PDB file of N, CA and C in Angstrom:
ATOM      1  N   MET A   1      99.690  99.399 102.571  1.00  0.00           N
ATOM      2  CA  MET A   1      98.480  99.667 101.810  1.00  0.00           C
ATOM      3  C   MET A   1      97.325  98.953 102.514  1.00  0.00           C
ATOM      4  N   SER A   2      96.301  99.670 102.817  1.00  0.00           N
ATOM      5  CA  SER A   2      95.162  99.067 103.507  1.00  0.00           C
ATOM      6  C   SER A   2      94.232  98.388 102.494  1.00  0.00           C
ATOM      7  N   SER A   3      93.342  97.530 103.011  1.00  0.00           N
ATOM      8  CA  SER A   3      92.385  96.852 102.141  1.00  0.00           C
ATOM      9  C   SER A   3      91.452  97.897 101.534  1.00  0.00           C
ATOM     10  N   GLN A   4      91.293  97.849 100.222  1.00  0.00           N
ATOM     11  CA  GLN A   4      90.457  98.843  99.562  1.00  0.00           C
ATOM     12  C   GLN A   4      89.750  98.236  98.355  1.00  0.00           C
ATOM     13  N   LYS A   5      88.891  99.035  97.747  1.00  0.00           N
ATOM     14  CA  LYS A   5      88.156  98.620  96.565  1.00  0.00           C
ATOM     15  C   LYS A   5      88.862  99.185  95.336  1.00  0.00           C
ATOM     16  N   PHE A   6      89.044  98.328  94.337  1.00  0.00           N
ATOM     17  CA  PHE A   6      89.693  98.718  93.090  1.00  0.00           C
ATOM     18  C   PHE A   6      88.766  98.430  91.917  1.00  0.00           C
ATOM     19  N   THR A   7      88.657  99.383  91.001  1.00  0.00           N
ATOM     20  CA  THR A   7      88.044  99.088  89.709  1.00  0.00           C
ATOM     21  C   THR A   7      89.180  98.608  88.804  1.00  0.00           C
ATOM     22  N   LEU A   8      88.821  98.023  87.683  1.00  0.00           N
ATOM     23  CA  LEU A   8      89.862  97.581  86.750  1.00  0.00           C
ATOM     24  C   LEU A   8      90.656  98.770  86.219  1.00  0.00           C
ATOM     25  N   ARG A   9      89.994  99.912  86.090  1.00  0.00           N
ATOM     26  CA  ARG A   9      90.679 101.127  85.633  1.00  0.00           C
ATOM     27  C   ARG A   9      91.740 101.554  86.649  1.00  0.00           C
ATOM     28  N   GLU A  10      91.407 101.487  87.934  1.00  0.00           N
ATOM     29  CA  GLU A  10      92.375 101.860  88.977  1.00  0.00           C
ATOM     30  C   GLU A  10      93.505 100.844  89.068  1.00  0.00           C
ATOM     31  N   LEU A  11      93.162  99.586  88.951  1.00  0.00           N
ATOM     32  CA  LEU A  11      94.148  98.515  89.095  1.00  0.00           C
ATOM     33  C   LEU A  11      95.243  98.604  88.036  1.00  0.00           C
ATOM     34  N   GLN A  12      94.900  99.081  86.839  1.00  0.00           N
ATOM     35  CA  GLN A  12      95.861  99.117  85.742  1.00  0.00           C
ATOM     36  C   GLN A  12      97.096  99.976  86.032  1.00  0.00           C
ATOM     37  N   SER A  13      97.054 100.814  87.066  1.00  0.00           N
ATOM     38  CA  SER A  13      98.196 101.662  87.419  1.00  0.00           C
ATOM     39  C   SER A  13      99.278 100.919  88.192  1.00  0.00           C
ATOM     40  N   TYR A  14      98.967  99.721  88.651  1.00  0.00           N
ATOM     41  CA  TYR A  14      99.872  99.006  89.551  1.00  0.00           C
ATOM     42  C   TYR A  14     100.586  97.852  88.845  1.00  0.00           C
ATOM     43  N   THR A  15     101.425  98.208  87.888  1.00  0.00           N
ATOM     44  CA  THR A  15     102.148  97.208  87.104  1.00  0.00           C
ATOM     45  C   THR A  15     103.631  97.131  87.439  1.00  0.00           C
ATOM     46  N   GLY A  16     104.080  98.020  88.308  1.00  0.00           N
ATOM     47  CA  GLY A  16     105.501  98.059  88.634  1.00  0.00           C
ATOM     48  C   GLY A  16     106.313  98.927  87.690  1.00  0.00           C
ATOM     49  N   GLN A  17     105.647  99.607  86.772  1.00  0.00           N
ATOM     50  CA  GLN A  17     106.351 100.485  85.825  1.00  0.00           C
ATOM     51  C   GLN A  17     106.957 101.699  86.531  1.00  0.00           C
ATOM     52  N   ARG A  18     106.226 102.219  87.514  1.00  0.00           N
ATOM     53  CA  ARG A  18     106.732 103.386  88.256  1.00  0.00           C
ATOM     54  C   ARG A  18     107.467 102.895  89.496  1.00  0.00           C
ATOM     55  N   LYS A  19     108.697 103.317  89.645  1.00  0.00           N
ATOM     56  CA  LYS A  19     109.536 102.906  90.780  1.00  0.00           C
ATOM     57  C   LYS A  19     108.837 103.218  92.094  1.00  0.00           C
ATOM     58  N   GLY A  20     108.787 102.234  92.974  1.00  0.00           N
ATOM     59  CA  GLY A  20     108.191 102.412  94.285  1.00  0.00           C
ATOM     60  C   GLY A  20     106.728 102.015  94.371  1.00  0.00           C
ATOM     61  N   ASP A  21     106.052 101.899  93.230  1.00  0.00           N
ATOM     62  CA  ASP A  21     104.651 101.477  93.240  1.00  0.00           C
ATOM     63  C   ASP A  21     104.570  99.964  93.396  1.00  0.00           C
ATOM     64  N   PRO A  22     103.554  99.487  94.086  1.00  0.00           N
ATOM     65  CA  PRO A  22     103.394  98.038  94.211  1.00  0.00           C
ATOM     66  C   PRO A  22     102.939  97.420  92.888  1.00  0.00           C
ATOM     67  N   ILE A  23     103.131  96.121  92.786  1.00  0.00           N
ATOM     68  CA  ILE A  23     102.615  95.360  91.648  1.00  0.00           C
ATOM     69  C   ILE A  23     101.406  94.594  92.170  1.00  0.00           C
ATOM     70  N   LEU A  24     100.243  94.895  91.611  1.00  0.00           N
ATOM     71  CA  LEU A  24      99.005  94.271  92.056  1.00  0.00           C
ATOM     72  C   LEU A  24      98.391  93.452  90.932  1.00  0.00           C
ATOM     73  N   LEU A  25      97.675  92.414  91.321  1.00  0.00           N
ATOM     74  CA  LEU A  25      96.860  91.683  90.348  1.00  0.00           C
ATOM     75  C   LEU A  25      95.605  91.199  91.031  1.00  0.00           C
ATOM     76  N   GLY A  26      94.554  91.084  90.236  1.00  0.00           N
ATOM     77  CA  GLY A  26      93.280  90.600  90.733  1.00  0.00           C
ATOM     78  C   GLY A  26      93.050  89.166  90.318  1.00  0.00           C
ATOM     79  N   LEU A  27      92.423  88.407  91.204  1.00  0.00           N
ATOM     80  CA  LEU A  27      92.056  87.026  90.921  1.00  0.00           C
ATOM     81  C   LEU A  27      90.826  86.687  91.736  1.00  0.00           C
ATOM     82  N   ASN A  28      89.775  86.232  91.072  1.00  0.00           N
ATOM     83  CA  ASN A  28      88.523  85.857  91.743  1.00  0.00           C
ATOM     84  C   ASN A  28      87.989  86.972  92.641  1.00  0.00           C
ATOM     85  N   GLY A  29      88.114  88.211  92.184  1.00  0.00           N
ATOM     86  CA  GLY A  29      87.574  89.349  92.912  1.00  0.00           C
ATOM     87  C   GLY A  29      88.453  89.883  94.023  1.00  0.00           C
ATOM     88  N   VAL A  30      89.616  89.293  94.231  1.00  0.00           N
ATOM     89  CA  VAL A  30      90.537  89.705  95.297  1.00  0.00           C
ATOM     90  C   VAL A  30      91.779  90.314  94.655  1.00  0.00           C
ATOM     91  N   VAL A  31      92.327  91.359  95.291  1.00  0.00           N
ATOM     92  CA  VAL A  31      93.533  92.008  94.780  1.00  0.00           C
ATOM     93  C   VAL A  31      94.703  91.646  95.685  1.00  0.00           C
ATOM     94  N   TYR A  32      95.771  91.154  95.060  1.00  0.00           N
ATOM     95  CA  TYR A  32      96.979  90.738  95.768  1.00  0.00           C
ATOM     96  C   TYR A  32      98.127  91.680  95.432  1.00  0.00           C
ATOM     97  N   ASP A  33      98.988  91.924  96.419  1.00  0.00           N
ATOM     98  CA  ASP A  33     100.224  92.663  96.196  1.00  0.00           C
ATOM     99  C   ASP A  33     101.311  91.633  95.909  1.00  0.00           C
ATOM    100  N   VAL A  34     101.685  91.504  94.647  1.00  0.00           N
ATOM    101  CA  VAL A  34     102.669  90.505  94.233  1.00  0.00           C
ATOM    102  C   VAL A  34     104.052  91.131  94.032  1.00  0.00           C
ATOM    103  N   SER A  35     104.282  92.260  94.681  1.00  0.00           N
ATOM    104  CA  SER A  35     105.545  92.986  94.520  1.00  0.00           C
ATOM    105  C   SER A  35     106.762  92.132  94.851  1.00  0.00           C
ATOM    106  N   THR A  36     106.654  91.272  95.843  1.00  0.00           N
ATOM    107  CA  THR A  36     107.800  90.421  96.189  1.00  0.00           C
ATOM    108  C   THR A  36     108.062  89.372  95.112  1.00  0.00           C
ATOM    109  N   GLY A  37     107.134  89.195  94.204  1.00  0.00           N
ATOM    110  CA  GLY A  37     107.312  88.302  93.063  1.00  0.00           C
ATOM    111  C   GLY A  37     107.625  89.075  91.792  1.00  0.00           C
ATOM    112  N   ALA A  38     108.297  90.216  91.932  1.00  0.00           N
ATOM    113  CA  ALA A  38     108.607  91.071  90.780  1.00  0.00           C
ATOM    114  C   ALA A  38     109.400  90.327  89.707  1.00  0.00           C
ATOM    115  N   ALA A  39     110.157  89.319  90.085  1.00  0.00           N
ATOM    116  CA  ALA A  39     110.906  88.537  89.099  1.00  0.00           C
ATOM    117  C   ALA A  39     109.959  87.804  88.147  1.00  0.00           C
ATOM    118  N   PHE A  40     108.725  87.601  88.576  1.00  0.00           N
ATOM    119  CA  PHE A  40     107.716  86.965  87.732  1.00  0.00           C
ATOM    120  C   PHE A  40     106.762  87.996  87.122  1.00  0.00           C
ATOM    121  N   TYR A  41     106.252  88.901  87.979  1.00  0.00           N
ATOM    122  CA  TYR A  41     105.168  89.803  87.597  1.00  0.00           C
ATOM    123  C   TYR A  41     105.627  91.205  87.198  1.00  0.00           C
ATOM    124  N   GLY A  42     106.895  91.523  87.427  1.00  0.00           N
ATOM    125  CA  GLY A  42     107.406  92.857  87.116  1.00  0.00           C
ATOM    126  C   GLY A  42     107.536  93.094  85.620  1.00  0.00           C
ATOM    127  N   PRO A  43     107.718  94.353  85.236  1.00  0.00           N
ATOM    128  CA  PRO A  43     107.814  94.726  83.823  1.00  0.00           C
ATOM    129  C   PRO A  43     108.840  93.874  83.070  1.00  0.00           C
ATOM    130  N   GLY A  44     108.408  93.331  81.927  1.00  0.00           N
ATOM    131  CA  GLY A  44     109.289  92.553  81.084  1.00  0.00           C
ATOM    132  C   GLY A  44     109.468  91.100  81.486  1.00  0.00           C
ATOM    133  N   ASN A  45     108.873  90.686  82.583  1.00  0.00           N
ATOM    134  CA  ASN A  45     109.026  89.306  83.046  1.00  0.00           C
ATOM    135  C   ASN A  45     107.862  88.433  82.580  1.00  0.00           C
ATOM    136  N   GLY A  46     107.997  87.137  82.730  1.00  0.00           N
ATOM    137  CA  GLY A  46     107.083  86.154  82.165  1.00  0.00           C
ATOM    138  C   GLY A  46     105.607  86.345  82.457  1.00  0.00           C
ATOM    139  N   TYR A  47     105.273  86.740  83.679  1.00  0.00           N
ATOM    140  CA  TYR A  47     103.870  86.905  84.053  1.00  0.00           C
ATOM    141  C   TYR A  47     103.462  88.371  84.179  1.00  0.00           C
ATOM    142  N   SER A  48     104.245  89.269  83.596  1.00  0.00           N
ATOM    143  CA  SER A  48     103.936  90.703  83.699  1.00  0.00           C
ATOM    144  C   SER A  48     102.592  91.053  83.078  1.00  0.00           C
ATOM    145  N   VAL A  49     102.095  90.220  82.175  1.00  0.00           N
ATOM    146  CA  VAL A  49     100.797  90.458  81.534  1.00  0.00           C
ATOM    147  C   VAL A  49      99.671  90.476  82.571  1.00  0.00           C
ATOM    148  N   PHE A  50      99.866  89.835  83.718  1.00  0.00           N
ATOM    149  CA  PHE A  50      98.836  89.780  84.752  1.00  0.00           C
ATOM    150  C   PHE A  50      98.875  90.977  85.704  1.00  0.00           C
ATOM    151  N   ALA A  51      99.979  91.703  85.734  1.00  0.00           N
ATOM    152  CA  ALA A  51     100.121  92.840  86.645  1.00  0.00           C
ATOM    153  C   ALA A  51      99.161  93.958  86.255  1.00  0.00           C
ATOM    154  N   GLY A  52      98.474  94.497  87.262  1.00  0.00           N
ATOM    155  CA  GLY A  52      97.548  95.600  87.025  1.00  0.00           C
ATOM    156  C   GLY A  52      96.267  95.182  86.334  1.00  0.00           C
ATOM    157  N   ARG A  53      95.940  93.896  86.386  1.00  0.00           N
ATOM    158  CA  ARG A  53      94.760  93.386  85.674  1.00  0.00           C
ATOM    159  C   ARG A  53      93.985  92.404  86.535  1.00  0.00           C
ATOM    160  N   ASP A  54      92.753  92.143  86.113  1.00  0.00           N
ATOM    161  CA  ASP A  54      91.989  91.022  86.650  1.00  0.00           C
ATOM    162  C   ASP A  54      92.500  89.822  85.866  1.00  0.00           C
ATOM    163  N   SER A  55      93.330  89.028  86.491  1.00  0.00           N
ATOM    164  CA  SER A  55      94.023  87.937  85.798  1.00  0.00           C
ATOM    165  C   SER A  55      93.267  86.613  85.850  1.00  0.00           C
ATOM    166  N   THR A  56      92.064  86.614  86.372  1.00  0.00           N
ATOM    167  CA  THR A  56      91.316  85.369  86.571  1.00  0.00           C
ATOM    168  C   THR A  56      91.221  84.534  85.303  1.00  0.00           C
ATOM    169  N   ILE A  57      90.742  85.121  84.211  1.00  0.00           N
ATOM    170  CA  ILE A  57      90.565  84.359  82.975  1.00  0.00           C
ATOM    171  C   ILE A  57      91.910  83.903  82.418  1.00  0.00           C
ATOM    172  N   GLY A  58      92.895  84.789  82.412  1.00  0.00           N
ATOM    173  CA  GLY A  58      94.207  84.430  81.883  1.00  0.00           C
ATOM    174  C   GLY A  58      94.833  83.274  82.635  1.00  0.00           C
ATOM    175  N   LEU A  59      94.795  83.334  83.953  1.00  0.00           N
ATOM    176  CA  LEU A  59      95.371  82.245  84.745  1.00  0.00           C
ATOM    177  C   LEU A  59      94.548  80.969  84.609  1.00  0.00           C
ATOM    178  N   ALA A  60      93.236  81.103  84.590  1.00  0.00           N
ATOM    179  CA  ALA A  60      92.365  79.925  84.477  1.00  0.00           C
ATOM    180  C   ALA A  60      92.555  79.215  83.141  1.00  0.00           C
ATOM    181  N   LYS A  61      92.804  79.977  82.082  1.00  0.00           N
ATOM    182  CA  LYS A  61      92.978  79.403  80.751  1.00  0.00           C
ATOM    183  C   LYS A  61      94.443  79.091  80.439  1.00  0.00           C
ATOM    184  N   GLY A  62      95.342  79.542  81.319  1.00  0.00           N
ATOM    185  CA  GLY A  62      96.763  79.367  81.036  1.00  0.00           C
ATOM    186  C   GLY A  62      97.200  80.216  79.862  1.00  0.00           C
ATOM    187  N   SER A  63      96.604  81.394  79.729  1.00  0.00           N
ATOM    188  CA  SER A  63      96.861  82.278  78.595  1.00  0.00           C
ATOM    189  C   SER A  63      97.622  83.535  79.020  1.00  0.00           C
ATOM    190  N   LEU A  64      98.625  83.884  78.233  1.00  0.00           N
ATOM    191  CA  LEU A  64      99.369  85.118  78.464  1.00  0.00           C
ATOM    192  C   LEU A  64      98.910  86.242  77.530  1.00  0.00           C
ATOM    193  N   LEU A  65      97.741  86.069  76.926  1.00  0.00           N
ATOM    194  CA  LEU A  65      97.200  87.086  76.022  1.00  0.00           C
ATOM    195  C   LEU A  65      96.351  88.086  76.799  1.00  0.00           C
ATOM    196  N   ARG A  66      96.689  89.355  76.667  1.00  0.00           N
ATOM    197  CA  ARG A  66      95.940  90.404  77.366  1.00  0.00           C
ATOM    198  C   ARG A  66      94.476  90.454  76.952  1.00  0.00           C
ATOM    199  N   ASP A  67      94.199  90.160  75.688  1.00  0.00           N
ATOM    200  CA  ASP A  67      92.834  90.343  75.201  1.00  0.00           C
ATOM    201  C   ASP A  67      91.842  89.321  75.741  1.00  0.00           C
ATOM    202  N   VAL A  68      92.289  88.281  76.447  1.00  0.00           N
ATOM    203  CA  VAL A  68      91.328  87.363  77.064  1.00  0.00           C
ATOM    204  C   VAL A  68      90.849  87.884  78.415  1.00  0.00           C
ATOM    205  N   MET A  69      91.568  88.874  78.959  1.00  0.00           N
ATOM    206  CA  MET A  69      91.233  89.424  80.274  1.00  0.00           C
ATOM    207  C   MET A  69      90.457  90.729  80.123  1.00  0.00           C
ATOM    208  N   PRO A  70      89.553  91.007  81.074  1.00  0.00           N
ATOM    209  CA  PRO A  70      88.787  92.259  80.987  1.00  0.00           C
ATOM    210  C   PRO A  70      89.698  93.472  81.135  1.00  0.00           C
ATOM    211  N   GLY A  71      89.341  94.528  80.449  1.00  0.00           N
ATOM    212  CA  GLY A  71      90.129  95.747  80.493  1.00  0.00           C
ATOM    213  C   GLY A  71      89.453  96.833  81.304  1.00  0.00           C
ATOM    214  N   PRO A  72      90.085  98.006  81.380  1.00  0.00           N
ATOM    215  CA  PRO A  72      89.525  99.131  82.122  1.00  0.00           C
ATOM    216  C   PRO A  72      88.111  99.448  81.642  1.00  0.00           C
ATOM    217  N   GLY A  73      87.226  99.709  82.579  1.00  0.00           N
ATOM    218  CA  GLY A  73      85.844 100.034  82.254  1.00  0.00           C
ATOM    219  C   GLY A  73      84.948  98.820  82.159  1.00  0.00           C
ATOM    220  N   GLU A  74      85.530  97.626  82.130  1.00  0.00           N
ATOM    221  CA  GLU A  74      84.738  96.402  82.079  1.00  0.00           C
ATOM    222  C   GLU A  74      84.525  95.863  83.490  1.00  0.00           C
ATOM    223  N   ALA A  75      83.635  94.901  83.605  1.00  0.00           N
ATOM    224  CA  ALA A  75      83.352  94.290  84.907  1.00  0.00           C
ATOM    225  C   ALA A  75      84.396  93.229  85.219  1.00  0.00           C
ATOM    226  N   PRO A  76      84.742  93.072  86.488  1.00  0.00           N
ATOM    227  CA  PRO A  76      85.653  91.997  86.879  1.00  0.00           C
ATOM    228  C   PRO A  76      85.052  90.629  86.553  1.00  0.00           C
ATOM    229  N   THR A  77      85.917  89.660  86.388  1.00  0.00           N
ATOM    230  CA  THR A  77      85.506  88.293  86.095  1.00  0.00           C
ATOM    231  C   THR A  77      84.828  87.666  87.304  1.00  0.00           C
ATOM    232  N   THR A  78      83.775  86.905  87.052  1.00  0.00           N
ATOM    233  CA  THR A  78      83.149  86.119  88.109  1.00  0.00           C
ATOM    234  C   THR A  78      83.311  84.651  87.757  1.00  0.00           C
ATOM    235  N   MET A  79      83.272  83.803  88.753  1.00  0.00           N
ATOM    236  CA  MET A  79      83.510  82.378  88.541  1.00  0.00           C
ATOM    237  C   MET A  79      82.506  81.755  87.573  1.00  0.00           C
ATOM    238  N   ASP A  80      81.290  82.284  87.541  1.00  0.00           N
ATOM    239  CA  ASP A  80      80.296  81.688  86.638  1.00  0.00           C
ATOM    240  C   ASP A  80      80.598  81.955  85.159  1.00  0.00           C
ATOM    241  N   MET A  81      81.587  82.784  84.875  1.00  0.00           N
ATOM    242  CA  MET A  81      82.019  83.031  83.502  1.00  0.00           C
ATOM    243  C   MET A  81      82.983  81.949  83.013  1.00  0.00           C
ATOM    244  N   LEU A  82      83.421  81.096  83.925  1.00  0.00           N
ATOM    245  CA  LEU A  82      84.436  80.096  83.616  1.00  0.00           C
ATOM    246  C   LEU A  82      83.837  78.698  83.530  1.00  0.00           C
ATOM    247  N   SER A  83      84.477  77.857  82.745  1.00  0.00           N
ATOM    248  CA  SER A  83      84.080  76.444  82.700  1.00  0.00           C
ATOM    249  C   SER A  83      84.493  75.780  84.018  1.00  0.00           C
ATOM    250  N   GLU A  84      84.026  74.582  84.231  1.00  0.00           N
ATOM    251  CA  GLU A  84      84.370  73.869  85.463  1.00  0.00           C
ATOM    252  C   GLU A  84      85.887  73.675  85.584  1.00  0.00           C
ATOM    253  N   ALA A  85      86.527  73.295  84.495  1.00  0.00           N
ATOM    254  CA  ALA A  85      87.985  73.100  84.512  1.00  0.00           C
ATOM    255  C   ALA A  85      88.704  74.426  84.783  1.00  0.00           C
ATOM    256  N   GLU A  86      88.208  75.514  84.200  1.00  0.00           N
ATOM    257  CA  GLU A  86      88.813  76.829  84.430  1.00  0.00           C
ATOM    258  C   GLU A  86      88.609  77.285  85.872  1.00  0.00           C
ATOM    259  N   GLN A  87      87.448  76.992  86.442  1.00  0.00           N
ATOM    260  CA  GLN A  87      87.212  77.322  87.847  1.00  0.00           C
ATOM    261  C   GLN A  87      88.203  76.593  88.742  1.00  0.00           C
ATOM    262  N   THR A  88      88.448  75.335  88.452  1.00  0.00           N
ATOM    263  CA  THR A  88      89.409  74.551  89.226  1.00  0.00           C
ATOM    264  C   THR A  88      90.804  75.165  89.121  1.00  0.00           C
ATOM    265  N   ALA A  89      91.194  75.544  87.904  1.00  0.00           N
ATOM    266  CA  ALA A  89      92.502  76.174  87.706  1.00  0.00           C
ATOM    267  C   ALA A  89      92.588  77.508  88.447  1.00  0.00           C
ATOM    268  N   ALA A  90      91.526  78.302  88.390  1.00  0.00           N
ATOM    269  CA  ALA A  90      91.513  79.599  89.077  1.00  0.00           C
ATOM    270  C   ALA A  90      91.629  79.411  90.588  1.00  0.00           C
ATOM    271  N   LEU A  91      90.940  78.414  91.116  1.00  0.00           N
ATOM    272  CA  LEU A  91      91.015  78.152  92.560  1.00  0.00           C
ATOM    273  C   LEU A  91      92.399  77.662  92.972  1.00  0.00           C
ATOM    274  N   THR A  92      93.049  76.916  92.098  1.00  0.00           N
ATOM    275  CA  THR A  92      94.426  76.475  92.368  1.00  0.00           C
ATOM    276  C   THR A  92      95.360  77.678  92.423  1.00  0.00           C
ATOM    277  N   TRP A  93      95.212  78.602  91.483  1.00  0.00           N
ATOM    278  CA  TRP A  93      96.004  79.829  91.499  1.00  0.00           C
ATOM    279  C   TRP A  93      95.697  80.663  92.737  1.00  0.00           C
ATOM    280  N   GLU A  94      94.423  80.737  93.097  1.00  0.00           N
ATOM    281  CA  GLU A  94      94.028  81.508  94.275  1.00  0.00           C
ATOM    282  C   GLU A  94      94.726  80.971  95.521  1.00  0.00           C
ATOM    283  N   LYS A  95      94.735  79.676  95.682  1.00  0.00           N
ATOM    284  CA  LYS A  95      95.401  79.059  96.837  1.00  0.00           C
ATOM    285  C   LYS A  95      96.889  79.416  96.850  1.00  0.00           C
ATOM    286  N   ARG A  96      97.515  79.338  95.695  1.00  0.00           N
ATOM    287  CA  ARG A  96      98.946  79.661  95.576  1.00  0.00           C
ATOM    288  C   ARG A  96      99.212  81.123  95.941  1.00  0.00           C
ATOM    289  N   LEU A  97      98.399  82.026  95.397  1.00  0.00           N
ATOM    290  CA  LEU A  97      98.605  83.450  95.678  1.00  0.00           C
ATOM    291  C   LEU A  97      98.373  83.774  97.145  1.00  0.00           C
ATOM    292  N   LYS A  98      97.332  83.184  97.741  1.00  0.00           N
ATOM    293  CA  LYS A  98      97.040  83.447  99.155  1.00  0.00           C
ATOM    294  C   LYS A  98      98.181  83.016 100.066  1.00  0.00           C
ATOM    295  N   GLN A  99      98.892  81.970  99.670  1.00  0.00           N
ATOM    296  CA  GLN A  99     100.012  81.485 100.473  1.00  0.00           C
ATOM    297  C   GLN A  99     101.234  82.386 100.374  1.00  0.00           C
ATOM    298  N   LYS A 100     101.377  83.092  99.244  1.00  0.00           N
ATOM    299  CA  LYS A 100     102.601  83.847  98.989  1.00  0.00           C
ATOM    300  C   LYS A 100     102.493  85.360  99.122  1.00  0.00           C
ATOM    301  N   TYR A 101     101.292  85.908  98.892  1.00  0.00           N
ATOM    302  CA  TYR A 101     101.174  87.359  98.775  1.00  0.00           C
ATOM    303  C   TYR A 101     100.038  87.913  99.624  1.00  0.00           C
ATOM    304  N   PRO A 102     100.219  89.141 100.141  1.00  0.00           N
ATOM    305  CA  PRO A 102      99.140  89.744 100.937  1.00  0.00           C
ATOM    306  C   PRO A 102      97.964  90.222 100.084  1.00  0.00           C
ATOM    307  N   VAL A 103      96.783  90.073 100.650  1.00  0.00           N
ATOM    308  CA  VAL A 103      95.566  90.610 100.047  1.00  0.00           C
ATOM    309  C   VAL A 103      95.493  92.086 100.417  1.00  0.00           C
ATOM    310  N   VAL A 104      95.264  92.947  99.417  1.00  0.00           N
ATOM    311  CA  VAL A 104      95.205  94.382  99.679  1.00  0.00           C
ATOM    312  C   VAL A 104      93.864  95.006  99.336  1.00  0.00           C
ATOM    313  N   GLY A 105      92.970  94.220  98.731  1.00  0.00           N
ATOM    314  CA  GLY A 105      91.681  94.789  98.391  1.00  0.00           C
ATOM    315  C   GLY A 105      90.811  93.826  97.612  1.00  0.00           C
ATOM    316  N   VAL A 106      89.742  94.397  97.062  1.00  0.00           N
ATOM    317  CA  VAL A 106      88.791  93.626  96.258  1.00  0.00           C
ATOM    318  C   VAL A 106      88.510  94.383  94.961  1.00  0.00           C
ATOM    319  N   LEU A 107      88.100  93.630  93.949  1.00  0.00           N
ATOM    320  CA  LEU A 107      87.710  94.227  92.671  1.00  0.00           C
ATOM    321  C   LEU A 107      86.225  94.535  92.681  1.00  0.00           C
ATOM    322  N   VAL A 108      85.886  95.712  92.161  1.00  0.00           N
ATOM    323  CA  VAL A 108      84.480  96.103  92.091  1.00  0.00           C
ATOM    324  C   VAL A 108      84.207  96.703  90.711  1.00  0.00           C
ATOM    325  N   LYS A 109      82.952  96.701  90.335  1.00  0.00           N
ATOM    326  CA  LYS A 109      82.523  97.358  89.104  1.00  0.00           C
ATOM    327  C   LYS A 109      82.583  98.863  89.316  1.00  0.00           C
ATOM    328  N   GLU A 110      82.843  99.610  88.270  1.00  0.00           N
ATOM    329  CA  GLU A 110      82.935 101.058  88.392  1.00  0.00           C
ATOM    330  C   GLU A 110      81.638 101.656  88.928  1.00  0.00           C
ATOM    331  N   GLU A 111      80.486 101.086  88.510  1.00  0.00           N
ATOM    332  CA  GLU A 111      79.198 101.629  88.976  1.00  0.00           C
ATOM    333  C   GLU A 111      79.048 101.521  90.483  1.00  0.00           C
ATOM    334  N   GLU A 112      79.662 100.504  91.076  1.00  0.00           N
ATOM    335  CA  GLU A 112      79.553 100.325  92.519  1.00  0.00           C
ATOM    336  C   GLU A 112      80.218 101.474  93.282  1.00  0.00           C
ATOM    337  N   LEU A 113      81.325 101.975  92.773  1.00  0.00           N
ATOM    338  CA  LEU A 113      82.000 103.091  93.430  1.00  0.00           C
ATOM    339  C   LEU A 113      81.287 104.401  93.153  1.00  0.00           C
ATOM    340  N   LYS A 114      80.770 104.556  91.939  1.00  0.00           N
ATOM    341  CA  LYS A 114      80.081 105.795  91.569  1.00  0.00           C
ATOM    342  C   LYS A 114      78.775 105.991  92.312  1.00  0.00           C
ATOM    343  N   SER A 115      78.127 104.893  92.691  1.00  0.00           N
ATOM    344  CA  SER A 115      76.827 104.998  93.342  1.00  0.00           C
ATOM    345  C   SER A 115      76.914 105.316  94.831  1.00  0.00           C
ATOM    346  N   LYS A 116      78.118 105.376  95.354  1.00  0.00           N
ATOM    347  CA  LYS A 116      78.260 105.631  96.796  1.00  0.00           C
ATOM    348  C   LYS A 116      78.700 107.040  97.070  1.00  0.00           C
TER     349      LYS A 116
END
């Protein structure tokens, strides 16, 4: 999969529900392929709530609740939406993900794709 732009609506398709599809998650505007971590992020597993989503707020807050994260049609999370402690937590997660999983794209607002 080449580096590409994903809206939150597009990202929601990559949860690992369909056999052969990658498991993707967004964090700090970057999209990671976490398929090799399917034991964590795959359907029914502990961190599956983050698959196919902008997981920045959830990971920063340590929350497994879907409703704290932006949904399809909403704008991706930016760091200025987080408290200082949450920014630190998000950056810690970012470092961890960068070490383990390939970057496959970036998160963009839907208007950004429509205007091109």
